Amino acid sequence: MWAIAGILLVTIMIMVLEVPPLLKKRQKKELGVFSLLLLSGSWLSIAKGLDLNIPNPFDWIAAIFKPLSDLIMTLLR
């Protein structure tokens, strides 16, 4: 529970430091990308703090290319 509170505290501190200059300079696109990345990183950190199973992106890549690899291996034999 303390890990989640710490993650939220750090996320809020980052927002307090980074968002006002972006708003002052009217950088709406940068603010959108910043918010998306910060929220996704915070969500993943909170999920890790709760010991949730987070899928590995490499597993998805392997699942996509496995049939192609099998086909090539079949053709080369």
Protein backbone atom coordinates (compact mmCIF):
# COMPACT_ATOMS: atom_id res chain seq x y z
CA MET A 1 0.00 0.00 0.00
CA TRP A 2 2.87 2.37 0.76
CA ALA A 3 4.37 1.70 -2.65
CA ILE A 4 1.15 2.84 -4.34
CA ALA A 5 1.00 5.96 -2.21
CA GLY A 6 4.63 6.73 -3.10
CA ILE A 7 3.98 6.22 -6.80
CA LEU A 8 0.96 8.52 -6.70
CA LEU A 9 2.93 11.14 -4.74
CA VAL A 10 5.78 11.09 -7.26
CA THR A 11 3.30 11.25 -10.16
CA ILE A 12 1.61 14.30 -8.65
CA MET A 13 4.98 15.97 -8.03
CA ILE A 14 6.00 15.39 -11.65
CA MET A 15 2.69 16.85 -12.84
CA VAL A 16 3.09 19.93 -10.63
CA LEU A 17 6.56 20.55 -12.03
CA GLU A 18 5.96 19.79 -15.70
CA VAL A 19 2.37 20.73 -16.58
CA PRO A 20 2.36 24.51 -15.86
CA PRO A 21 5.22 25.30 -18.28
CA LEU A 22 3.50 23.26 -20.99
CA LEU A 23 0.24 25.11 -20.43
CA LYS A 24 2.02 28.48 -20.33
CA LYS A 25 3.68 27.79 -23.68
CA ARG A 26 0.37 26.44 -25.09
CA GLN A 27 1.95 23.12 -26.02
CA LYS A 28 -1.23 21.06 -26.12
CA LYS A 29 0.16 18.14 -28.15
CA GLU A 30 3.19 17.80 -25.91
CA LEU A 31 0.93 17.93 -22.87
CA GLY A 32 -1.21 15.16 -24.32
CA VAL A 33 1.78 12.91 -25.03
CA PHE A 34 3.29 13.71 -21.63
CA SER A 35 0.03 12.87 -19.88
CA LEU A 36 -0.38 9.62 -21.79
CA LEU A 37 3.14 8.44 -21.00
CA LEU A 38 2.99 9.53 -17.36
CA LEU A 39 -0.36 7.86 -16.77
CA SER A 40 0.64 4.63 -18.51
CA GLY A 41 3.91 4.49 -16.57
CA SER A 42 2.10 5.21 -13.32
CA TRP A 43 -0.51 2.55 -14.06
CA LEU A 44 2.16 -0.05 -14.80
CA SER A 45 4.05 0.87 -11.62
CA ILE A 46 0.90 0.59 -9.52
CA ALA A 47 0.07 -2.76 -11.13
CA LYS A 48 3.58 -3.97 -10.31
CA GLY A 49 3.15 -2.70 -6.75
CA LEU A 50 -0.05 -4.74 -6.46
CA ASP A 51 1.77 -7.85 -7.77
CA LEU A 52 -0.48 -8.09 -10.80
CA ASN A 53 0.65 -10.17 -13.75
CA ILE A 54 1.91 -7.75 -16.40
CA PRO A 55 2.37 -9.39 -19.81
CA ASN A 56 5.76 -9.19 -21.45
CA PRO A 57 5.69 -7.44 -24.88
CA PHE A 58 8.19 -9.98 -26.20
CA ASP A 59 5.60 -12.73 -25.75
CA TRP A 60 3.25 -10.89 -28.12
CA ILE A 61 6.00 -10.44 -30.70
CA ALA A 62 6.94 -14.12 -30.47
CA ALA A 63 3.28 -15.14 -30.90
CA ILE A 64 3.02 -13.04 -34.06
CA PHE A 65 6.23 -14.27 -35.69
CA LYS A 66 6.09 -17.94 -34.58
CA PRO A 67 3.88 -19.10 -37.52
CA LEU A 68 6.15 -17.28 -39.97
CA SER A 69 9.21 -18.89 -38.42
CA ASP A 70 7.60 -22.34 -38.59
CA LEU A 71 6.74 -21.79 -42.26
CA ILE A 72 10.28 -20.77 -43.14
CA MET A 73 11.73 -23.74 -41.25
CA THR A 74 9.36 -26.08 -43.13
CA LEU A 75 10.40 -24.63 -46.48
CA LEU A 76 14.12 -24.92 -45.72
CA ARG A 77 14.00 -28.63 -44.85
